[in-house]
Amino acid sequence: VQLVESGGGLVQPGGSLRLSCAATGFDFSRYEMKWYRQRPGKERELVARIKSGGGIRAYVPSVKGRFTIDRDDAKKTVSLQMDRLNPEDTAVYYCNANRYQEPIGDVDYWGQGTQVTVSS
């Protein structure tokens, strides 16, 4: 099982970045996909999620209207389009795959993270 994020980097305030996460080794289409971030000195927080099937998306209020999560089950990828970035978006962003499986419970896979820095 592997999740590999890409697309992070340095961007000026007001700019955009697109993060991608490529999945291998599990049945991607059955998993809810999420993006988390961990800002300096803060706990990891859930930023965006997209259900299996892609019909339902949800965002943390601080990014709603600026970030868009999407998935491509054929390519086994999930993306996070980030627009109108501000310095408070600076964080390491992590891709997560989650599914509840009886009788195990929650199954989670994580990527290694990609750094996003918003600075002038």
PDB file of N, CA and C in Angstrom:
ATOM      1  N   VAL A   1       0.841  -1.191   0.000  1.00  0.00           N
ATOM      2  CA  VAL A   1       0.000   0.000   0.000  1.00  0.00           C
ATOM      3  C   VAL A   1       0.880   1.245   0.000  1.00  0.00           C
ATOM      4  N   GLN A   2       0.524   2.174  -0.858  1.00  0.00           N
ATOM      5  CA  GLN A   2       1.310   3.402  -0.926  1.00  0.00           C
ATOM      6  C   GLN A   2       0.434   4.567  -1.355  1.00  0.00           C
ATOM      7  N   LEU A   3       0.633   5.702  -0.685  1.00  0.00           N
ATOM      8  CA  LEU A   3       0.047   6.971  -1.092  1.00  0.00           C
ATOM      9  C   LEU A   3       1.195   7.941  -1.264  1.00  0.00           C
ATOM     10  N   VAL A   4       1.282   8.544  -2.424  1.00  0.00           N
ATOM     11  CA  VAL A   4       2.398   9.442  -2.726  1.00  0.00           C
ATOM     12  C   VAL A   4       1.845  10.795  -3.129  1.00  0.00           C
ATOM     13  N   GLU A   5       2.128  11.806  -2.296  1.00  0.00           N
ATOM     14  CA  GLU A   5       1.681  13.160  -2.589  1.00  0.00           C
ATOM     15  C   GLU A   5       2.708  13.893  -3.444  1.00  0.00           C
ATOM     16  N   SER A   6       2.217  14.843  -4.200  1.00  0.00           N
ATOM     17  CA  SER A   6       3.091  15.714  -4.982  1.00  0.00           C
ATOM     18  C   SER A   6       2.400  17.052  -5.174  1.00  0.00           C
ATOM     19  N   GLY A   7       3.166  18.035  -5.608  1.00  0.00           N
ATOM     20  CA  GLY A   7       2.579  19.327  -5.940  1.00  0.00           C
ATOM     21  C   GLY A   7       2.803  20.429  -4.936  1.00  0.00           C
ATOM     22  N   GLY A   8       3.408  20.108  -3.798  1.00  0.00           N
ATOM     23  CA  GLY A   8       3.664  21.147  -2.820  1.00  0.00           C
ATOM     24  C   GLY A   8       4.766  22.082  -3.283  1.00  0.00           C
ATOM     25  N   GLY A   9       4.956  23.159  -2.512  1.00  0.00           N
ATOM     26  CA  GLY A   9       5.999  24.109  -2.854  1.00  0.00           C
ATOM     27  C   GLY A   9       5.778  25.442  -2.210  1.00  0.00           C
ATOM     28  N   LEU A  10       6.493  26.429  -2.719  1.00  0.00           N
ATOM     29  CA  LEU A  10       6.411  27.794  -2.222  1.00  0.00           C
ATOM     30  C   LEU A  10       5.553  28.625  -3.168  1.00  0.00           C
ATOM     31  N   VAL A  11       4.604  29.360  -2.609  1.00  0.00           N
ATOM     32  CA  VAL A  11       3.717  30.188  -3.420  1.00  0.00           C
ATOM     33  C   VAL A  11       3.466  31.494  -2.684  1.00  0.00           C
ATOM     34  N   GLN A  12       3.233  32.548  -3.432  1.00  0.00           N
ATOM     35  CA  GLN A  12       2.940  33.840  -2.825  1.00  0.00           C
ATOM     36  C   GLN A  12       1.492  33.901  -2.367  1.00  0.00           C
ATOM     37  N   PRO A  13       1.212  34.732  -1.379  1.00  0.00           N
ATOM     38  CA  PRO A  13      -0.189  34.911  -0.954  1.00  0.00           C
ATOM     39  C   PRO A  13      -1.069  35.288  -2.140  1.00  0.00           C
ATOM     40  N   GLY A  14      -2.248  34.680  -2.178  1.00  0.00           N
ATOM     41  CA  GLY A  14      -3.158  34.896  -3.289  1.00  0.00           C
ATOM     42  C   GLY A  14      -2.973  33.921  -4.427  1.00  0.00           C
ATOM     43  N   GLY A  15      -1.906  33.151  -4.380  1.00  0.00           N
ATOM     44  CA  GLY A  15      -1.614  32.203  -5.449  1.00  0.00           C
ATOM     45  C   GLY A  15      -2.344  30.884  -5.302  1.00  0.00           C
ATOM     46  N   SER A  16      -2.020  29.948  -6.193  1.00  0.00           N
ATOM     47  CA  SER A  16      -2.678  28.641  -6.239  1.00  0.00           C
ATOM     48  C   SER A  16      -1.656  27.521  -6.312  1.00  0.00           C
ATOM     49  N   LEU A  17      -2.048  26.390  -5.786  1.00  0.00           N
ATOM     50  CA  LEU A  17      -1.296  25.142  -5.929  1.00  0.00           C
ATOM     51  C   LEU A  17      -2.284  24.012  -6.097  1.00  0.00           C
ATOM     52  N   ARG A  18      -1.815  22.970  -6.752  1.00  0.00           N
ATOM     53  CA  ARG A  18      -2.638  21.769  -6.895  1.00  0.00           C
ATOM     54  C   ARG A  18      -1.851  20.589  -6.372  1.00  0.00           C
ATOM     55  N   LEU A  19      -2.362  19.969  -5.312  1.00  0.00           N
ATOM     56  CA  LEU A  19      -1.743  18.773  -4.756  1.00  0.00           C
ATOM     57  C   LEU A  19      -2.374  17.537  -5.384  1.00  0.00           C
ATOM     58  N   SER A  20      -1.552  16.528  -5.585  1.00  0.00           N
ATOM     59  CA  SER A  20      -2.046  15.242  -6.081  1.00  0.00           C
ATOM     60  C   SER A  20      -1.564  14.125  -5.173  1.00  0.00           C
ATOM     61  N   CYS A  21      -2.330  13.065  -5.144  1.00  0.00           N
ATOM     62  CA  CYS A  21      -1.980  11.890  -4.349  1.00  0.00           C
ATOM     63  C   CYS A  21      -2.278  10.664  -5.196  1.00  0.00           C
ATOM     64  N   ALA A  22      -1.263   9.860  -5.433  1.00  0.00           N
ATOM     65  CA  ALA A  22      -1.405   8.646  -6.227  1.00  0.00           C
ATOM     66  C   ALA A  22      -1.403   7.439  -5.301  1.00  0.00           C
ATOM     67  N   ALA A  23      -2.377   6.563  -5.491  1.00  0.00           N
ATOM     68  CA  ALA A  23      -2.563   5.407  -4.613  1.00  0.00           C
ATOM     69  C   ALA A  23      -2.250   4.112  -5.338  1.00  0.00           C
ATOM     70  N   THR A  24      -1.642   3.201  -4.609  1.00  0.00           N
ATOM     71  CA  THR A  24      -1.402   1.856  -5.125  1.00  0.00           C
ATOM     72  C   THR A  24      -1.590   0.849  -3.997  1.00  0.00           C
ATOM     73  N   GLY A  25      -1.965  -0.359  -4.361  1.00  0.00           N
ATOM     74  CA  GLY A  25      -1.962  -1.456  -3.404  1.00  0.00           C
ATOM     75  C   GLY A  25      -3.234  -1.709  -2.635  1.00  0.00           C
ATOM     76  N   PHE A  26      -4.301  -0.967  -2.939  1.00  0.00           N
ATOM     77  CA  PHE A  26      -5.581  -1.223  -2.282  1.00  0.00           C
ATOM     78  C   PHE A  26      -6.699  -0.814  -3.229  1.00  0.00           C
ATOM     79  N   ASP A  27      -7.926  -1.191  -2.865  1.00  0.00           N
ATOM     80  CA  ASP A  27      -9.077  -0.943  -3.708  1.00  0.00           C
ATOM     81  C   ASP A  27      -9.529   0.507  -3.538  1.00  0.00           C
ATOM     82  N   PHE A  28      -8.893   1.394  -4.259  1.00  0.00           N
ATOM     83  CA  PHE A  28      -9.046   2.847  -4.094  1.00  0.00           C
ATOM     84  C   PHE A  28     -10.506   3.289  -4.109  1.00  0.00           C
ATOM     85  N   SER A  29     -11.284   2.764  -5.027  1.00  0.00           N
ATOM     86  CA  SER A  29     -12.655   3.262  -5.208  1.00  0.00           C
ATOM     87  C   SER A  29     -13.538   3.022  -3.987  1.00  0.00           C
ATOM     88  N   ARG A  30     -13.170   2.117  -3.137  1.00  0.00           N
ATOM     89  CA  ARG A  30     -13.975   1.791  -1.957  1.00  0.00           C
ATOM     90  C   ARG A  30     -13.662   2.676  -0.757  1.00  0.00           C
ATOM     91  N   TYR A  31     -12.647   3.500  -0.878  1.00  0.00           N
ATOM     92  CA  TYR A  31     -12.173   4.286   0.253  1.00  0.00           C
ATOM     93  C   TYR A  31     -12.600   5.748   0.148  1.00  0.00           C
ATOM     94  N   GLU A  32     -12.954   6.299   1.301  1.00  0.00           N
ATOM     95  CA  GLU A  32     -13.095   7.742   1.389  1.00  0.00           C
ATOM     96  C   GLU A  32     -11.689   8.328   1.387  1.00  0.00           C
ATOM     97  N   MET A  33     -11.507   9.419   0.658  1.00  0.00           N
ATOM     98  CA  MET A  33     -10.190  10.048   0.561  1.00  0.00           C
ATOM     99  C   MET A  33     -10.237  11.409   1.241  1.00  0.00           C
ATOM    100  N   LYS A  34      -9.172  11.712   1.957  1.00  0.00           N
ATOM    101  CA  LYS A  34      -9.125  12.941   2.737  1.00  0.00           C
ATOM    102  C   LYS A  34      -7.768  13.616   2.579  1.00  0.00           C
ATOM    103  N   TRP A  35      -7.784  14.924   2.744  1.00  0.00           N
ATOM    104  CA  TRP A  35      -6.557  15.694   2.878  1.00  0.00           C
ATOM    105  C   TRP A  35      -6.528  16.284   4.283  1.00  0.00           C
ATOM    106  N   TYR A  36      -5.433  16.062   4.958  1.00  0.00           N
ATOM    107  CA  TYR A  36      -5.166  16.668   6.255  1.00  0.00           C
ATOM    108  C   TYR A  36      -4.004  17.644   6.095  1.00  0.00           C
ATOM    109  N   ARG A  37      -3.854  18.500   7.080  1.00  0.00           N
ATOM    110  CA  ARG A  37      -2.662  19.336   7.129  1.00  0.00           C
ATOM    111  C   ARG A  37      -2.220  19.502   8.579  1.00  0.00           C
ATOM    112  N   GLN A  38      -0.941  19.749   8.726  1.00  0.00           N
ATOM    113  CA  GLN A  38      -0.384  20.037  10.043  1.00  0.00           C
ATOM    114  C   GLN A  38       0.428  21.315   9.937  1.00  0.00           C
ATOM    115  N   ARG A  39      -0.119  22.345  10.540  1.00  0.00           N
ATOM    116  CA  ARG A  39       0.571  23.632  10.538  1.00  0.00           C
ATOM    117  C   ARG A  39       1.598  23.658  11.648  1.00  0.00           C
ATOM    118  N   PRO A  40       2.605  24.511  11.540  1.00  0.00           N
ATOM    119  CA  PRO A  40       3.665  24.552  12.559  1.00  0.00           C
ATOM    120  C   PRO A  40       3.092  24.767  13.955  1.00  0.00           C
ATOM    121  N   GLY A  41       3.428  23.891  14.866  1.00  0.00           N
ATOM    122  CA  GLY A  41       2.991  24.010  16.246  1.00  0.00           C
ATOM    123  C   GLY A  41       1.549  23.624  16.498  1.00  0.00           C
ATOM    124  N   LYS A  42       0.881  23.083  15.474  1.00  0.00           N
ATOM    125  CA  LYS A  42      -0.531  22.733  15.603  1.00  0.00           C
ATOM    126  C   LYS A  42      -0.726  21.235  15.418  1.00  0.00           C
ATOM    127  N   GLU A  43      -1.883  20.749  15.836  1.00  0.00           N
ATOM    128  CA  GLU A  43      -2.233  19.362  15.601  1.00  0.00           C
ATOM    129  C   GLU A  43      -2.688  19.177  14.151  1.00  0.00           C
ATOM    130  N   ARG A  44      -2.594  17.955  13.692  1.00  0.00           N
ATOM    131  CA  ARG A  44      -3.067  17.643  12.348  1.00  0.00           C
ATOM    132  C   ARG A  44      -4.572  17.860  12.276  1.00  0.00           C
ATOM    133  N   GLU A  45      -5.038  18.493  11.208  1.00  0.00           N
ATOM    134  CA  GLU A  45      -6.459  18.757  11.054  1.00  0.00           C
ATOM    135  C   GLU A  45      -6.945  18.281   9.693  1.00  0.00           C
ATOM    136  N   LEU A  46      -8.203  17.857   9.679  1.00  0.00           N
ATOM    137  CA  LEU A  46      -8.841  17.452   8.438  1.00  0.00           C
ATOM    138  C   LEU A  46      -9.232  18.694   7.649  1.00  0.00           C
ATOM    139  N   VAL A  47      -8.832  18.737   6.395  1.00  0.00           N
ATOM    140  CA  VAL A  47      -9.098  19.902   5.542  1.00  0.00           C
ATOM    141  C   VAL A  47     -10.243  19.636   4.580  1.00  0.00           C
ATOM    142  N   ALA A  48     -10.218  18.473   3.935  1.00  0.00           N
ATOM    143  CA  ALA A  48     -11.234  18.171   2.918  1.00  0.00           C
ATOM    144  C   ALA A  48     -11.381  16.667   2.814  1.00  0.00           C
ATOM    145  N   ARG A  49     -12.582  16.253   2.412  1.00  0.00           N
ATOM    146  CA  ARG A  49     -12.850  14.832   2.276  1.00  0.00           C
ATOM    147  C   ARG A  49     -13.780  14.611   1.104  1.00  0.00           C
ATOM    148  N   ILE A  50     -13.661  13.443   0.493  1.00  0.00           N
ATOM    149  CA  ILE A  50     -14.546  13.083  -0.611  1.00  0.00           C
ATOM    150  C   ILE A  50     -14.893  11.609  -0.456  1.00  0.00           C
ATOM    151  N   LYS A  51     -16.181  11.338  -0.463  1.00  0.00           N
ATOM    152  CA  LYS A  51     -16.668   9.991  -0.228  1.00  0.00           C
ATOM    153  C   LYS A  51     -16.357   9.074  -1.400  1.00  0.00           C
ATOM    154  N   SER A  52     -16.389   7.786  -1.115  1.00  0.00           N
ATOM    155  CA  SER A  52     -16.335   6.792  -2.170  1.00  0.00           C
ATOM    156  C   SER A  52     -17.465   7.072  -3.152  1.00  0.00           C
ATOM    157  N   GLY A  53     -17.170   7.082  -4.437  1.00  0.00           N
ATOM    158  CA  GLY A  53     -18.156   7.437  -5.441  1.00  0.00           C
ATOM    159  C   GLY A  53     -18.075   8.883  -5.863  1.00  0.00           C
ATOM    160  N   GLY A  54     -17.474   9.722  -5.015  1.00  0.00           N
ATOM    161  CA  GLY A  54     -17.195  11.106  -5.392  1.00  0.00           C
ATOM    162  C   GLY A  54     -18.356  12.066  -5.283  1.00  0.00           C
ATOM    163  N   GLY A  55     -19.519  11.608  -4.832  1.00  0.00           N
ATOM    164  CA  GLY A  55     -20.670  12.492  -4.840  1.00  0.00           C
ATOM    165  C   GLY A  55     -20.739  13.461  -3.681  1.00  0.00           C
ATOM    166  N   ILE A  56     -20.050  13.180  -2.596  1.00  0.00           N
ATOM    167  CA  ILE A  56     -20.149  14.006  -1.395  1.00  0.00           C
ATOM    168  C   ILE A  56     -18.763  14.513  -1.027  1.00  0.00           C
ATOM    169  N   ARG A  57     -18.664  15.838  -0.883  1.00  0.00           N
ATOM    170  CA  ARG A  57     -17.436  16.495  -0.477  1.00  0.00           C
ATOM    171  C   ARG A  57     -17.719  17.343   0.750  1.00  0.00           C
ATOM    172  N   ALA A  58     -16.693  17.523   1.560  1.00  0.00           N
ATOM    173  CA  ALA A  58     -16.828  18.391   2.723  1.00  0.00           C
ATOM    174  C   ALA A  58     -15.500  19.069   2.991  1.00  0.00           C
ATOM    175  N   TYR A  59     -15.591  20.276   3.578  1.00  0.00           N
ATOM    176  CA  TYR A  59     -14.395  21.087   3.802  1.00  0.00           C
ATOM    177  C   TYR A  59     -14.445  21.709   5.190  1.00  0.00           C
ATOM    178  N   VAL A  60     -13.284  21.937   5.748  1.00  0.00           N
ATOM    179  CA  VAL A  60     -13.209  22.717   6.975  1.00  0.00           C
ATOM    180  C   VAL A  60     -13.560  24.165   6.609  1.00  0.00           C
ATOM    181  N   PRO A  61     -14.263  24.907   7.487  1.00  0.00           N
ATOM    182  CA  PRO A  61     -14.734  26.249   7.118  1.00  0.00           C
ATOM    183  C   PRO A  61     -13.631  27.191   6.614  1.00  0.00           C
ATOM    184  N   SER A  62     -12.442  27.056   7.126  1.00  0.00           N
ATOM    185  CA  SER A  62     -11.378  28.002   6.759  1.00  0.00           C
ATOM    186  C   SER A  62     -10.919  27.876   5.308  1.00  0.00           C
ATOM    187  N   VAL A  63     -11.256  26.759   4.645  1.00  0.00           N
ATOM    188  CA  VAL A  63     -10.836  26.578   3.246  1.00  0.00           C
ATOM    189  C   VAL A  63     -12.015  26.505   2.295  1.00  0.00           C
ATOM    190  N   LYS A  64     -13.214  26.462   2.814  1.00  0.00           N
ATOM    191  CA  LYS A  64     -14.396  26.319   1.961  1.00  0.00           C
ATOM    192  C   LYS A  64     -14.481  27.496   1.010  1.00  0.00           C
ATOM    193  N   GLY A  65     -14.700  27.184  -0.267  1.00  0.00           N
ATOM    194  CA  GLY A  65     -14.754  28.219  -1.290  1.00  0.00           C
ATOM    195  C   GLY A  65     -13.405  28.522  -1.912  1.00  0.00           C
ATOM    196  N   ARG A  66     -12.336  28.040  -1.284  1.00  0.00           N
ATOM    197  CA  ARG A  66     -10.996  28.260  -1.841  1.00  0.00           C
ATOM    198  C   ARG A  66     -10.336  26.960  -2.302  1.00  0.00           C
ATOM    199  N   PHE A  67     -10.653  25.855  -1.608  1.00  0.00           N
ATOM    200  CA  PHE A  67     -10.066  24.558  -1.931  1.00  0.00           C
ATOM    201  C   PHE A  67     -11.122  23.657  -2.569  1.00  0.00           C
ATOM    202  N   THR A  68     -10.676  22.795  -3.479  1.00  0.00           N
ATOM    203  CA  THR A  68     -11.566  21.830  -4.114  1.00  0.00           C
ATOM    204  C   THR A  68     -10.897  20.466  -4.138  1.00  0.00           C
ATOM    205  N   ILE A  69     -11.582  19.479  -3.572  1.00  0.00           N
ATOM    206  CA  ILE A  69     -11.080  18.108  -3.597  1.00  0.00           C
ATOM    207  C   ILE A  69     -11.793  17.344  -4.702  1.00  0.00           C
ATOM    208  N   ASP A  70     -11.042  16.480  -5.368  1.00  0.00           N
ATOM    209  CA  ASP A  70     -11.629  15.667  -6.422  1.00  0.00           C
ATOM    210  C   ASP A  70     -10.885  14.334  -6.483  1.00  0.00           C
ATOM    211  N   ARG A  71     -11.526  13.368  -7.096  1.00  0.00           N
ATOM    212  CA  ARG A  71     -10.912  12.053  -7.212  1.00  0.00           C
ATOM    213  C   ARG A  71     -11.124  11.488  -8.601  1.00  0.00           C
ATOM    214  N   ASP A  72     -10.198  10.637  -9.015  1.00  0.00           N
ATOM    215  CA  ASP A  72     -10.302   9.923 -10.283  1.00  0.00           C
ATOM    216  C   ASP A  72     -10.067   8.451  -9.962  1.00  0.00           C
ATOM    217  N   ASP A  73     -11.148   7.698  -9.868  1.00  0.00           N
ATOM    218  CA  ASP A  73     -11.011   6.300  -9.468  1.00  0.00           C
ATOM    219  C   ASP A  73     -10.300   5.464 -10.531  1.00  0.00           C
ATOM    220  N   ALA A  74     -10.435   5.830 -11.782  1.00  0.00           N
ATOM    221  CA  ALA A  74      -9.743   5.096 -12.845  1.00  0.00           C
ATOM    222  C   ALA A  74      -8.228   5.255 -12.726  1.00  0.00           C
ATOM    223  N   LYS A  75      -7.776   6.455 -12.350  1.00  0.00           N
ATOM    224  CA  LYS A  75      -6.343   6.704 -12.203  1.00  0.00           C
ATOM    225  C   LYS A  75      -5.857   6.490 -10.772  1.00  0.00           C
ATOM    226  N   LYS A  76      -6.796   6.262  -9.855  1.00  0.00           N
ATOM    227  CA  LYS A  76      -6.476   6.072  -8.442  1.00  0.00           C
ATOM    228  C   LYS A  76      -5.715   7.291  -7.892  1.00  0.00           C
ATOM    229  N   THR A  77      -6.276   8.436  -8.144  1.00  0.00           N
ATOM    230  CA  THR A  77      -5.678   9.669  -7.651  1.00  0.00           C
ATOM    231  C   THR A  77      -6.732  10.540  -6.975  1.00  0.00           C
ATOM    232  N   VAL A  78      -6.267  11.343  -6.042  1.00  0.00           N
ATOM    233  CA  VAL A  78      -7.096  12.366  -5.421  1.00  0.00           C
ATOM    234  C   VAL A  78      -6.305  13.665  -5.467  1.00  0.00           C
ATOM    235  N   SER A  79      -7.002  14.750  -5.704  1.00  0.00           N
ATOM    236  CA  SER A  79      -6.337  16.033  -5.845  1.00  0.00           C
ATOM    237  C   SER A  79      -6.942  17.044  -4.888  1.00  0.00           C
ATOM    238  N   LEU A  80      -6.162  18.088  -4.630  1.00  0.00           N
ATOM    239  CA  LEU A  80      -6.646  19.214  -3.839  1.00  0.00           C
ATOM    240  C   LEU A  80      -6.198  20.487  -4.549  1.00  0.00           C
ATOM    241  N   GLN A  81      -7.143  21.155  -5.175  1.00  0.00           N
ATOM    242  CA  GLN A  81      -6.884  22.432  -5.809  1.00  0.00           C
ATOM    243  C   GLN A  81      -7.021  23.518  -4.752  1.00  0.00           C
ATOM    244  N   MET A  82      -5.958  24.290  -4.561  1.00  0.00           N
ATOM    245  CA  MET A  82      -5.941  25.307  -3.508  1.00  0.00           C
ATOM    246  C   MET A  82      -5.764  26.677  -4.151  1.00  0.00           C
ATOM    247  N   ASP A  83      -6.764  27.511  -4.014  1.00  0.00           N
ATOM    248  CA  ASP A  83      -6.748  28.856  -4.576  1.00  0.00           C
ATOM    249  C   ASP A  83      -6.779  29.903  -3.469  1.00  0.00           C
ATOM    250  N   ARG A  84      -6.376  31.110  -3.840  1.00  0.00           N
ATOM    251  CA  ARG A  84      -6.379  32.248  -2.889  1.00  0.00           C
ATOM    252  C   ARG A  84      -5.689  31.849  -1.591  1.00  0.00           C
ATOM    253  N   LEU A  85      -4.523  31.280  -1.740  1.00  0.00           N
ATOM    254  CA  LEU A  85      -3.775  30.824  -0.578  1.00  0.00           C
ATOM    255  C   LEU A  85      -3.320  31.997   0.272  1.00  0.00           C
ATOM    256  N   ASN A  86      -3.260  31.762   1.573  1.00  0.00           N
ATOM    257  CA  ASN A  86      -2.759  32.767   2.495  1.00  0.00           C
ATOM    258  C   ASN A  86      -1.747  32.124   3.439  1.00  0.00           C
ATOM    259  N   PRO A  87      -0.971  32.918   4.156  1.00  0.00           N
ATOM    260  CA  PRO A  87       0.100  32.352   4.998  1.00  0.00           C
ATOM    261  C   PRO A  87      -0.400  31.324   6.017  1.00  0.00           C
ATOM    262  N   GLU A  88      -1.676  31.444   6.428  1.00  0.00           N
ATOM    263  CA  GLU A  88      -2.209  30.483   7.397  1.00  0.00           C
ATOM    264  C   GLU A  88      -2.416  29.096   6.790  1.00  0.00           C
ATOM    265  N   ASP A  89      -2.293  28.988   5.483  1.00  0.00           N
ATOM    266  CA  ASP A  89      -2.389  27.688   4.819  1.00  0.00           C
ATOM    267  C   ASP A  89      -1.054  26.958   4.797  1.00  0.00           C
ATOM    268  N   THR A  90       0.000  27.610   5.257  1.00  0.00           N
ATOM    269  CA  THR A  90       1.312  26.971   5.316  1.00  0.00           C
ATOM    270  C   THR A  90       1.254  25.761   6.239  1.00  0.00           C
ATOM    271  N   ALA A  91       1.638  24.608   5.708  1.00  0.00           N
ATOM    272  CA  ALA A  91       1.525  23.361   6.466  1.00  0.00           C
ATOM    273  C   ALA A  91       2.122  22.222   5.652  1.00  0.00           C
ATOM    274  N   VAL A  92       2.273  21.096   6.317  1.00  0.00           N
ATOM    275  CA  VAL A  92       2.520  19.850   5.601  1.00  0.00           C
ATOM    276  C   VAL A  92       1.159  19.224   5.337  1.00  0.00           C
ATOM    277  N   TYR A  93       0.894  18.895   4.095  1.00  0.00           N
ATOM    278  CA  TYR A  93      -0.394  18.327   3.685  1.00  0.00           C
ATOM    279  C   TYR A  93      -0.239  16.824   3.468  1.00  0.00           C
ATOM    280  N   TYR A  94      -1.183  16.078   4.043  1.00  0.00           N
ATOM    281  CA  TYR A  94      -1.151  14.621   3.994  1.00  0.00           C
ATOM    282  C   TYR A  94      -2.399  14.073   3.310  1.00  0.00           C
ATOM    283  N   CYS A  95      -2.182  13.085   2.500  1.00  0.00           N
ATOM    284  CA  CYS A  95      -3.259  12.338   1.867  1.00  0.00           C
ATOM    285  C   CYS A  95      -3.603  11.140   2.757  1.00  0.00           C
ATOM    286  N   ASN A  96      -4.899  10.878   2.899  1.00  0.00           N
ATOM    287  CA  ASN A  96      -5.363   9.765   3.738  1.00  0.00           C
ATOM    288  C   ASN A  96      -6.452   8.991   3.017  1.00  0.00           C
ATOM    289  N   ALA A  97      -6.397   7.674   3.135  1.00  0.00           N
ATOM    290  CA  ALA A  97      -7.465   6.803   2.645  1.00  0.00           C
ATOM    291  C   ALA A  97      -8.088   6.119   3.849  1.00  0.00           C
ATOM    292  N   ASN A  98      -9.393   6.146   3.916  1.00  0.00           N
ATOM    293  CA  ASN A  98     -10.088   5.599   5.090  1.00  0.00           C
ATOM    294  C   ASN A  98     -11.286   4.753   4.668  1.00  0.00           C
ATOM    295  N   ARG A  99     -11.442   3.646   5.360  1.00  0.00           N
ATOM    296  CA  ARG A  99     -12.606   2.792   5.130  1.00  0.00           C
ATOM    297  C   ARG A  99     -12.897   2.026   6.406  1.00  0.00           C
ATOM    298  N   TYR A 100     -14.150   1.868   6.715  1.00  0.00           N
ATOM    299  CA  TYR A 100     -14.547   1.067   7.864  1.00  0.00           C
ATOM    300  C   TYR A 100     -14.804  -0.340   7.381  1.00  0.00           C
ATOM    301  N   GLN A 101     -14.122  -1.305   7.986  1.00  0.00           N
ATOM    302  CA  GLN A 101     -14.261  -2.696   7.571  1.00  0.00           C
ATOM    303  C   GLN A 101     -14.581  -3.548   8.787  1.00  0.00           C
ATOM    304  N   GLU A 102     -15.711  -4.267   8.706  1.00  0.00           N
ATOM    305  CA  GLU A 102     -16.036  -5.233   9.744  1.00  0.00           C
ATOM    306  C   GLU A 102     -15.109  -6.439   9.614  1.00  0.00           C
ATOM    307  N   PRO A 103     -14.663  -7.055  10.712  1.00  0.00           N
ATOM    308  CA  PRO A 103     -14.786  -6.606  12.106  1.00  0.00           C
ATOM    309  C   PRO A 103     -13.596  -5.773  12.585  1.00  0.00           C
ATOM    310  N   ILE A 104     -12.716  -5.361  11.628  1.00  0.00           N
ATOM    311  CA  ILE A 104     -11.474  -4.668  12.003  1.00  0.00           C
ATOM    312  C   ILE A 104     -11.753  -3.286  12.568  1.00  0.00           C
ATOM    313  N   GLY A 105     -12.681  -2.573  11.930  1.00  0.00           N
ATOM    314  CA  GLY A 105     -12.892  -1.181  12.279  1.00  0.00           C
ATOM    315  C   GLY A 105     -12.297  -0.292  11.200  1.00  0.00           C
ATOM    316  N   ASP A 106     -11.838   0.899  11.588  1.00  0.00           N
ATOM    317  CA  ASP A 106     -11.297   1.851  10.633  1.00  0.00           C
ATOM    318  C   ASP A 106      -9.952   1.360  10.096  1.00  0.00           C
ATOM    319  N   VAL A 107      -9.802   1.419   8.798  1.00  0.00           N
ATOM    320  CA  VAL A 107      -8.532   1.147   8.135  1.00  0.00           C
ATOM    321  C   VAL A 107      -8.051   2.458   7.533  1.00  0.00           C
ATOM    322  N   ASP A 108      -6.851   2.858   7.864  1.00  0.00           N
ATOM    323  CA  ASP A 108      -6.298   4.123   7.398  1.00  0.00           C
ATOM    324  C   ASP A 108      -4.943   3.918   6.741  1.00  0.00           C
ATOM    325  N   TYR A 109      -4.755   4.562   5.602  1.00  0.00           N
ATOM    326  CA  TYR A 109      -3.460   4.624   4.944  1.00  0.00           C
ATOM    327  C   TYR A 109      -3.070   6.097   4.812  1.00  0.00           C
ATOM    328  N   TRP A 110      -1.777   6.372   4.965  1.00  0.00           N
ATOM    329  CA  TRP A 110      -1.281   7.750   4.942  1.00  0.00           C
ATOM    330  C   TRP A 110      -0.136   7.911   3.955  1.00  0.00           C
ATOM    331  N   GLY A 111      -0.098   9.085   3.348  1.00  0.00           N
ATOM    332  CA  GLY A 111       1.061   9.458   2.577  1.00  0.00           C
ATOM    333  C   GLY A 111       2.127  10.053   3.462  1.00  0.00           C
ATOM    334  N   GLN A 112       3.243  10.405   2.844  1.00  0.00           N
ATOM    335  CA  GLN A 112       4.389  10.910   3.606  1.00  0.00           C
ATOM    336  C   GLN A 112       4.298  12.414   3.842  1.00  0.00           C
ATOM    337  N   GLY A 113       3.411  13.076   3.144  1.00  0.00           N
ATOM    338  CA  GLY A 113       3.223  14.513   3.317  1.00  0.00           C
ATOM    339  C   GLY A 113       3.987  15.325   2.283  1.00  0.00           C
ATOM    340  N   THR A 114       3.432  16.498   1.984  1.00  0.00           N
ATOM    341  CA  THR A 114       4.094  17.432   1.083  1.00  0.00           C
ATOM    342  C   THR A 114       3.983  18.833   1.677  1.00  0.00           C
ATOM    343  N   GLN A 115       5.078  19.565   1.645  1.00  0.00           N
ATOM    344  CA  GLN A 115       5.130  20.876   2.275  1.00  0.00           C
ATOM    345  C   GLN A 115       4.531  21.939   1.355  1.00  0.00           C
ATOM    346  N   VAL A 116       3.649  22.744   1.926  1.00  0.00           N
ATOM    347  CA  VAL A 116       3.109  23.925   1.245  1.00  0.00           C
ATOM    348  C   VAL A 116       3.494  25.148   2.076  1.00  0.00           C
ATOM    349  N   THR A 117       4.168  26.077   1.444  1.00  0.00           N
ATOM    350  CA  THR A 117       4.581  27.302   2.121  1.00  0.00           C
ATOM    351  C   THR A 117       4.032  28.498   1.354  1.00  0.00           C
ATOM    352  N   VAL A 118       3.266  29.330   2.063  1.00  0.00           N
ATOM    353  CA  VAL A 118       2.685  30.526   1.458  1.00  0.00           C
ATOM    354  C   VAL A 118       3.383  31.727   2.069  1.00  0.00           C
ATOM    355  N   SER A 119       4.165  32.398   1.264  1.00  0.00           N
ATOM    356  CA  SER A 119       4.976  33.504   1.777  1.00  0.00           C
ATOM    357  C   SER A 119       5.382  34.420   0.637  1.00  0.00           C
ATOM    358  N   SER A 120       5.506  35.694   0.963  1.00  0.00           N
ATOM    359  CA  SER A 120       5.986  36.655  -0.027  1.00  0.00           C
ATOM    360  C   SER A 120       7.493  36.834   0.092  1.00  0.00           C
TER     361      SER A 120
END
